[in-house]
Amino acid sequence: MSQKRSIFEEVAEKKAPEKPVTGAIDKAPKGARKAIRVWLVILFAMVMAMIVVGGLTRLTDSGLSITEWKPVTGAMPPMSAPEWQSEFEKYQEIPEYQLQNKGMSLEEFKFIYWWEWGHRQLGRMIGLVWALGFLGFAVSRKIPTGWAGRLFLIGALGGLQGAIGWWMVSSGLSGDRLDVASYRLATHLGLAFVILGFIAWYIFLLGRPERDLMQARRGKEAKLFSLSTGLLHATFIQILLGALVAGIDAGRSFTDWPLMAGSFVPQGALELTPLWTNFFENAGLVQFMHRIWAYLLLIFAIVVWRRGRASAHGKTRFAFNALMAALLLQVVLGVMTVLYIAPWQLAITHQIVAVLVWVLMLRARFLAHYPLSTSIRETK
């Protein structure tokens, strides 16, 4: 039986609508996703600059000018004539000066010293920016759920990179070596690309809401993602091989193409003993490996690109087209670098485009995993 209603009750009175019940994704703390993304973009730009400055430091033969590792006190450069003289005398004790730069003036030493000091100083700045950002977001509890470990990983890898940097430099401070060990240079550069890759991937993730990512993952193009992952790994190997070439100046040893001194396989490719040292220190074999892997990588990239072109999503297709264009540019630059005997302008451009290829490859792989919704008009 219905209850009696008051004559003063508003006939049109309505109850307030109930709030919709949200799921676990909406209830989870969002954190400062946009602010963290901006912070990561700054770190990305700084790491990219670090790779470029590192390349120029190597091309100017400046990497061994500072013979000590002082992560804190080394932030201050020499401030007086006696301090400069002291640093110069330390440099005069290493093989690079005694066998290659004997007779160098103090002013010439200052030039290479500033390059290496700037390289290390930029590394310190990256560490400071990471530490201030991470601690600031952590203390204010603005880190989204599940992101603390990811953001900490960047800092941990950055610290490891500093230690590997000194491990690399120390290899050229004694014995009869004029430069750092090529395999240590490859490790140093490879880790820089790993750090850059993690930062780029996190920027991509934070650029879209969590709910959007969850929905996009249902449309994951598994085969394309798997192929692009394989291409990413193959490209990383090529980056390491490029570092080996740079470490022993192998790019200036054979300056014809497509042959090497008139032969497909350079003469003396296995002349060093023990045998394994040829893969790191034999200029002919190292450049040969870099070339052959480039050909194989290009063939694999074409296969992946053709698969990417078949994607139902326009932005994914565009991402793979951009990747292919950058990769073709890189191949042309590689050939020109060899033919023109690796001038520093071409060499550093070749390294910068390697970074571009790396990031575009990560972007294409990301869109294969988290495709953006495409309208019917865009699919035509």
Protein backbone atom coordinates (compact mmCIF):
# COMPACT_ATOMS: atom_id res chain seq x y z
CA MET A 1 0.00 0.00 0.00
CA SER A 2 1.33 3.43 -0.92
CA GLN A 3 2.14 5.86 1.86
CA LYS A 4 0.29 9.15 2.33
CA ARG A 5 2.07 12.16 0.86
CA SER A 6 2.17 15.60 2.44
CA ILE A 7 0.14 18.30 0.68
CA PHE A 8 3.20 20.54 1.00
CA GLU A 9 5.47 18.08 -0.83
CA GLU A 10 6.87 19.32 -4.13
CA VAL A 11 5.24 17.30 -6.85
CA ALA A 12 8.20 17.83 -9.20
CA GLU A 13 10.81 17.08 -6.57
CA LYS A 14 13.52 14.78 -7.95
CA LYS A 15 16.21 12.83 -6.22
CA ALA A 16 19.82 13.75 -6.97
CA PRO A 17 21.31 11.34 -9.51
CA GLU A 18 23.64 8.80 -8.04
CA LYS A 19 27.31 8.95 -9.04
CA PRO A 20 28.29 6.18 -11.42
CA VAL A 21 30.32 3.38 -9.94
CA THR A 22 33.83 3.50 -11.38
CA GLY A 23 36.21 0.66 -11.94
CA ALA A 24 39.59 -0.07 -10.46
CA ILE A 25 41.40 1.93 -13.13
CA ASP A 26 39.48 5.11 -12.30
CA LYS A 27 39.83 4.61 -8.55
CA ALA A 28 43.61 4.19 -8.70
CA PRO A 29 45.62 7.34 -7.90
CA LYS A 30 46.43 9.11 -11.16
CA GLY A 31 49.51 10.97 -9.96
CA ALA A 32 51.06 13.86 -11.84
CA ARG A 33 51.23 12.09 -15.21
CA LYS A 34 51.57 15.28 -17.24
CA ALA A 35 54.22 16.80 -14.98
CA ILE A 36 56.20 13.55 -14.92
CA ARG A 37 55.98 13.37 -18.69
CA VAL A 38 57.41 16.88 -19.03
CA TRP A 39 60.21 15.92 -16.65
CA LEU A 40 60.96 12.83 -18.74
CA VAL A 41 60.97 14.90 -21.95
CA ILE A 42 63.62 17.14 -20.37
CA LEU A 43 65.66 14.07 -19.39
CA PHE A 44 65.24 12.68 -22.90
CA ALA A 45 66.60 15.88 -24.45
CA MET A 46 69.52 15.89 -22.03
CA VAL A 47 70.43 12.25 -22.70
CA MET A 48 70.22 12.86 -26.45
CA ALA A 49 72.53 15.87 -26.03
CA MET A 50 74.83 13.66 -23.95
CA ILE A 51 75.10 11.15 -26.81
CA VAL A 52 75.95 13.92 -29.27
CA VAL A 53 78.49 15.58 -26.95
CA GLY A 54 79.99 12.15 -26.24
CA GLY A 55 80.40 11.59 -29.97
CA LEU A 56 82.09 14.96 -30.44
CA THR A 57 84.31 14.25 -27.45
CA ARG A 58 85.48 11.08 -29.13
CA LEU A 59 85.88 12.73 -32.55
CA THR A 60 88.07 15.47 -31.05
CA ASP A 61 90.18 12.88 -29.17
CA SER A 62 89.24 14.55 -25.89
CA GLY A 63 88.04 11.59 -23.86
CA LEU A 64 91.32 10.87 -22.08
CA SER A 65 92.18 14.46 -21.17
CA ILE A 66 90.87 14.05 -17.60
CA THR A 67 92.75 11.19 -16.01
CA GLU A 68 90.88 10.97 -12.70
CA TRP A 69 87.33 10.14 -11.72
CA LYS A 70 85.97 12.63 -9.21
CA PRO A 71 82.16 12.54 -9.47
CA VAL A 72 81.69 15.39 -6.95
CA THR A 73 84.88 17.46 -6.70
CA GLY A 74 85.53 17.08 -10.41
CA ALA A 75 82.60 19.39 -11.11
CA MET A 76 84.98 22.32 -10.60
CA PRO A 77 87.45 22.84 -13.48
CA PRO A 78 90.98 24.16 -12.93
CA MET A 79 90.73 27.77 -11.74
CA SER A 80 94.38 28.87 -11.77
CA ALA A 81 97.54 28.47 -13.80
CA PRO A 82 99.09 25.97 -11.33
CA GLU A 83 95.92 23.85 -11.40
CA TRP A 84 95.94 23.81 -15.21
CA GLN A 85 99.59 22.84 -15.21
CA SER A 86 98.91 20.03 -12.76
CA GLU A 87 96.14 18.59 -14.98
CA PHE A 88 98.37 18.89 -18.02
CA GLU A 89 101.18 17.02 -16.29
CA LYS A 90 98.80 14.18 -15.42
CA TYR A 91 97.79 13.95 -19.07
CA GLN A 92 101.44 13.89 -20.16
CA GLU A 93 101.90 10.63 -18.27
CA ILE A 94 99.41 8.60 -20.32
CA PRO A 95 100.15 6.78 -23.63
CA GLU A 96 97.93 9.05 -25.74
CA TYR A 97 100.17 12.03 -25.05
CA GLN A 98 103.46 10.16 -25.19
CA LEU A 99 102.70 8.26 -28.42
CA GLN A 100 100.38 10.65 -30.27
CA ASN A 101 100.27 14.17 -28.82
CA LYS A 102 103.81 14.71 -27.57
CA GLY A 103 104.68 18.40 -27.77
CA MET A 104 101.06 19.52 -27.34
CA SER A 105 100.82 23.03 -25.90
CA LEU A 106 98.87 23.93 -22.78
CA GLU A 107 96.31 25.82 -24.87
CA GLU A 108 95.75 22.78 -27.08
CA PHE A 109 95.32 20.67 -23.95
CA LYS A 110 92.71 23.09 -22.61
CA PHE A 111 90.65 22.60 -25.77
CA ILE A 112 90.33 18.84 -25.34
CA TYR A 113 90.00 19.21 -21.55
CA TRP A 114 86.91 21.44 -21.89
CA TRP A 115 85.23 18.93 -24.19
CA GLU A 116 85.66 16.08 -21.71
CA TRP A 117 84.78 18.31 -18.73
CA GLY A 118 81.60 19.42 -20.51
CA HIS A 119 80.71 15.81 -21.25
CA ARG A 120 81.09 14.82 -17.61
CA GLN A 121 79.35 17.97 -16.39
CA LEU A 122 76.32 17.22 -18.55
CA GLY A 123 76.24 13.75 -16.99
CA ARG A 124 76.18 15.33 -13.54
CA MET A 125 73.34 17.64 -14.60
CA ILE A 126 71.31 14.69 -15.86
CA GLY A 127 71.79 12.93 -12.53
CA LEU A 128 70.75 16.08 -10.65
CA VAL A 129 67.64 16.63 -12.76
CA TRP A 130 66.63 13.00 -12.28
CA ALA A 131 67.24 13.08 -8.51
CA LEU A 132 65.37 16.34 -7.91
CA GLY A 133 62.44 15.21 -10.04
CA PHE A 134 62.17 11.74 -8.58
CA LEU A 135 62.45 12.89 -4.98
CA GLY A 136 60.04 15.75 -5.57
CA PHE A 137 57.36 13.53 -7.05
CA ALA A 138 57.96 10.82 -4.44
CA VAL A 139 57.76 13.18 -1.43
CA SER A 140 54.61 14.85 -2.76
CA ARG A 141 53.14 11.41 -3.54
CA LYS A 142 52.50 12.34 -7.14
CA ILE A 143 53.97 9.20 -8.70
CA PRO A 144 51.19 7.13 -10.33
CA THR A 145 50.59 3.61 -9.09
CA GLY A 146 53.16 1.20 -10.51
CA TRP A 147 55.53 3.91 -11.75
CA ALA A 148 57.98 4.30 -8.87
CA GLY A 149 60.11 1.35 -9.96
CA ARG A 150 60.16 2.49 -13.58
CA LEU A 151 61.30 6.00 -12.72
CA PHE A 152 63.88 4.71 -10.25
CA LEU A 153 65.25 2.41 -12.94
CA ILE A 154 66.23 5.41 -15.06
CA GLY A 155 68.31 6.84 -12.22
CA ALA A 156 69.90 3.49 -11.44
CA LEU A 157 70.92 3.01 -15.06
CA GLY A 158 72.27 6.57 -15.12
CA GLY A 159 74.47 5.83 -12.11
CA LEU A 160 75.68 2.63 -13.75
CA GLN A 161 76.44 4.63 -16.89
CA GLY A 162 78.73 6.93 -14.94
CA ALA A 163 80.68 3.96 -13.56
CA ILE A 164 80.93 2.38 -17.02
CA GLY A 165 82.15 5.71 -18.38
CA TRP A 166 85.11 5.64 -16.00
CA TRP A 167 85.68 1.93 -16.71
CA MET A 168 85.91 2.92 -20.38
CA VAL A 169 88.28 5.86 -19.80
CA SER A 170 90.56 3.86 -17.51
CA SER A 171 91.28 1.41 -20.33
CA GLY A 172 93.19 4.12 -22.19
CA LEU A 173 95.30 5.42 -19.30
CA SER A 174 97.97 2.73 -19.28
CA GLY A 175 99.74 0.26 -21.53
CA ASP A 176 100.32 1.13 -25.19
CA ARG A 177 96.71 1.93 -26.12
CA LEU A 178 96.06 5.31 -27.75
CA ASP A 179 92.29 5.17 -27.26
CA VAL A 180 89.80 3.51 -24.96
CA ALA A 181 88.96 -0.17 -25.47
CA SER A 182 86.39 -0.44 -28.27
CA TYR A 183 84.24 -2.99 -26.45
CA ARG A 184 84.03 -0.66 -23.44
CA LEU A 185 83.04 2.21 -25.72
CA ALA A 186 80.34 -0.04 -27.22
CA THR A 187 79.06 -0.88 -23.73
CA HIS A 188 78.97 2.81 -22.80
CA LEU A 189 77.11 3.85 -25.96
CA GLY A 190 74.81 0.85 -25.84
CA LEU A 191 73.68 1.66 -22.31
CA ALA A 192 73.04 5.26 -23.37
CA PHE A 193 70.63 3.99 -26.04
CA VAL A 194 68.98 1.66 -23.50
CA ILE A 195 68.39 4.60 -21.13
CA LEU A 196 67.07 6.73 -23.99
CA GLY A 197 64.79 3.89 -25.02
CA PHE A 198 63.26 3.48 -21.56
CA ILE A 199 62.66 7.23 -21.27
CA ALA A 200 61.04 7.38 -24.72
CA TRP A 201 58.78 4.39 -23.96
CA TYR A 202 57.66 5.95 -20.69
CA ILE A 203 56.92 9.23 -22.47
CA PHE A 204 54.74 7.36 -24.93
CA LEU A 205 52.88 5.58 -22.11
CA LEU A 206 52.27 8.77 -20.13
CA GLY A 207 51.03 10.54 -23.24
CA ARG A 208 47.77 8.58 -23.11
CA PRO A 209 45.35 7.87 -20.25
CA GLU A 210 45.58 4.48 -18.56
CA ARG A 211 42.05 3.58 -19.63
CA ASP A 212 42.92 4.38 -23.24
CA LEU A 213 45.98 2.13 -23.09
CA MET A 214 43.95 -0.73 -21.64
CA GLN A 215 41.42 -0.46 -24.45
CA ALA A 216 44.10 -0.04 -27.13
CA ARG A 217 45.91 -3.17 -26.00
CA ARG A 218 42.89 -5.24 -27.02
CA GLY A 219 43.64 -4.24 -30.62
CA LYS A 220 47.32 -5.12 -30.37
CA GLU A 221 48.82 -6.25 -33.68
CA ALA A 222 50.76 -9.15 -32.23
CA LYS A 223 52.68 -10.18 -35.35
CA LEU A 224 53.71 -6.62 -36.15
CA PHE A 225 54.74 -6.03 -32.55
CA SER A 226 56.84 -9.20 -32.55
CA LEU A 227 58.56 -8.24 -35.81
CA SER A 228 59.26 -4.70 -34.63
CA THR A 229 60.71 -6.09 -31.40
CA GLY A 230 63.08 -8.27 -33.40
CA LEU A 231 64.00 -5.27 -35.55
CA LEU A 232 64.69 -3.25 -32.41
CA HIS A 233 67.11 -5.90 -31.14
CA ALA A 234 68.82 -6.15 -34.53
CA THR A 235 69.22 -2.37 -34.61
CA PHE A 236 70.77 -2.41 -31.15
CA ILE A 237 73.38 -4.88 -32.37
CA GLN A 238 74.16 -2.54 -35.26
CA ILE A 239 74.59 0.36 -32.81
CA LEU A 240 77.11 -1.72 -30.86
CA LEU A 241 78.95 -2.62 -34.06
CA GLY A 242 79.03 1.06 -35.00
CA ALA A 243 80.60 1.83 -31.64
CA LEU A 244 83.28 -0.79 -32.29
CA VAL A 245 83.99 0.86 -35.65
CA ALA A 246 84.26 4.27 -33.97
CA GLY A 247 86.41 2.94 -31.15
CA ILE A 248 89.26 1.90 -33.46
CA ASP A 249 88.61 4.44 -36.27
CA ALA A 250 87.79 1.53 -38.58
CA GLY A 251 85.66 3.85 -40.72
CA ARG A 252 88.83 5.47 -42.05
CA SER A 253 90.60 2.20 -42.85
CA PHE A 254 88.62 1.09 -45.91
CA THR A 255 87.16 3.95 -47.91
CA ASP A 256 85.66 2.24 -50.95
CA TRP A 257 82.17 0.81 -51.34
CA PRO A 258 80.60 -1.69 -51.86
CA LEU A 259 83.94 -3.57 -51.84
CA MET A 260 86.67 -3.16 -49.25
CA ALA A 261 90.06 -2.45 -50.83
CA GLY A 262 88.76 -4.19 -53.94
CA SER A 263 87.60 -7.33 -52.11
CA PHE A 264 84.32 -8.44 -50.61
CA VAL A 265 86.08 -9.71 -47.47
CA PRO A 266 89.04 -7.48 -46.55
CA GLN A 267 92.48 -9.04 -46.51
CA GLY A 268 93.90 -9.80 -43.09
CA ALA A 269 90.45 -10.01 -41.51
CA LEU A 270 91.67 -12.68 -39.08
CA GLU A 271 95.36 -11.83 -38.78
CA LEU A 272 95.42 -10.83 -35.10
CA THR A 273 96.11 -13.29 -32.31
CA PRO A 274 94.41 -14.49 -30.27
CA LEU A 275 91.65 -14.99 -32.83
CA TRP A 276 88.86 -13.37 -30.80
CA THR A 277 90.64 -9.98 -30.72
CA ASN A 278 89.93 -9.59 -34.46
CA PHE A 279 86.25 -9.06 -33.67
CA PHE A 280 87.09 -5.98 -31.59
CA GLU A 281 90.43 -4.64 -32.82
CA ASN A 282 90.84 -5.64 -36.48
CA ALA A 283 89.69 -2.61 -38.48
CA GLY A 284 88.89 -4.64 -41.58
CA LEU A 285 86.81 -7.28 -39.84
CA VAL A 286 85.01 -4.78 -37.59
CA GLN A 287 83.98 -2.59 -40.53
CA PHE A 288 83.03 -5.70 -42.55
CA MET A 289 80.71 -6.86 -39.74
CA HIS A 290 79.16 -3.38 -39.54
CA ARG A 291 78.51 -3.37 -43.29
CA ILE A 292 77.12 -6.90 -43.55
CA TRP A 293 74.83 -6.43 -40.57
CA ALA A 294 73.60 -3.17 -42.13
CA TYR A 295 72.57 -5.05 -45.28
CA LEU A 296 70.77 -7.72 -43.27
CA LEU A 297 69.12 -5.09 -41.09
CA LEU A 298 67.86 -3.20 -44.14
CA ILE A 299 66.33 -6.38 -45.61
CA PHE A 300 64.65 -7.18 -42.29
CA ALA A 301 63.42 -3.58 -42.00
CA ILE A 302 61.79 -3.79 -45.44
CA VAL A 303 59.95 -6.95 -44.35
CA VAL A 304 58.71 -5.25 -41.18
CA TRP A 305 57.82 -2.07 -43.07
CA ARG A 306 55.69 -4.00 -45.57
CA ARG A 307 53.88 -5.61 -42.65
CA GLY A 308 53.41 -2.19 -41.06
CA ARG A 309 51.91 -0.81 -44.26
CA ALA A 310 49.18 -3.44 -43.99
CA SER A 311 48.08 -2.15 -40.57
CA ALA A 312 44.45 -1.07 -40.25
CA HIS A 313 45.53 2.01 -38.31
CA GLY A 314 46.68 5.09 -40.19
CA LYS A 315 48.99 6.39 -37.48
CA THR A 316 50.70 3.00 -37.24
CA ARG A 317 51.28 2.96 -40.99
CA PHE A 318 52.69 6.48 -40.82
CA ALA A 319 55.01 5.49 -37.97
CA PHE A 320 56.50 2.63 -39.98
CA ASN A 321 56.81 4.84 -43.08
CA ALA A 322 58.72 7.43 -41.03
CA LEU A 323 60.95 4.70 -39.63
CA MET A 324 61.76 3.38 -43.09
CA ALA A 325 62.58 6.86 -44.38
CA ALA A 326 64.97 7.50 -41.47
CA LEU A 327 66.59 4.10 -41.94
CA LEU A 328 67.22 4.74 -45.64
CA LEU A 329 68.74 8.11 -44.77
CA GLN A 330 71.00 6.37 -42.27
CA VAL A 331 72.19 3.91 -44.91
CA VAL A 332 73.07 6.76 -47.28
CA LEU A 333 74.91 8.59 -44.50
CA GLY A 334 76.83 5.43 -43.65
CA VAL A 335 78.04 5.01 -47.22
CA MET A 336 78.96 8.71 -47.49
CA THR A 337 80.86 8.53 -44.19
CA VAL A 338 82.99 5.71 -45.61
CA LEU A 339 83.57 7.33 -49.01
CA TYR A 340 84.55 10.69 -47.50
CA ILE A 341 86.85 9.07 -44.88
CA ALA A 342 84.62 9.82 -41.88
CA PRO A 343 84.84 13.62 -41.49
CA TRP A 344 83.50 14.66 -38.10
CA GLN A 345 80.48 16.44 -39.62
CA LEU A 346 79.27 13.28 -41.36
CA ALA A 347 80.25 11.03 -38.46
CA ILE A 348 78.27 12.99 -35.89
CA THR A 349 75.28 13.31 -38.26
CA HIS A 350 75.38 9.54 -38.70
CA GLN A 351 75.22 9.16 -34.91
CA ILE A 352 72.38 11.67 -34.54
CA VAL A 353 70.30 9.90 -37.18
CA ALA A 354 70.96 6.62 -35.34
CA VAL A 355 69.18 8.19 -32.36
CA LEU A 356 66.32 9.27 -34.64
CA VAL A 357 66.00 5.75 -36.08
CA TRP A 358 66.02 4.29 -32.55
CA VAL A 359 63.22 6.57 -31.32
CA LEU A 360 61.09 6.14 -34.46
CA MET A 361 61.48 2.39 -34.14
CA LEU A 362 60.30 2.53 -30.53
CA ARG A 363 57.35 4.69 -31.60
CA ALA A 364 56.33 2.28 -34.35
CA ARG A 365 56.65 -0.66 -31.96
CA PHE A 366 54.58 1.19 -29.36
CA LEU A 367 51.76 1.83 -31.84
CA ALA A 368 51.79 -1.83 -32.85
CA HIS A 369 51.21 -2.67 -29.18
CA TYR A 370 48.86 0.24 -28.38
CA PRO A 371 47.26 1.25 -31.71
CA LEU A 372 45.40 4.55 -31.83
CA SER A 373 41.77 4.26 -32.84
CA THR A 374 41.24 5.08 -36.51
CA SER A 375 38.11 6.44 -38.12
CA ILE A 376 36.52 4.72 -41.10
CA ARG A 377 37.54 7.66 -43.29
CA GLU A 378 41.22 7.24 -42.30
CA THR A 379 41.23 3.56 -43.21
CA LYS A 380 40.25 4.23 -46.80
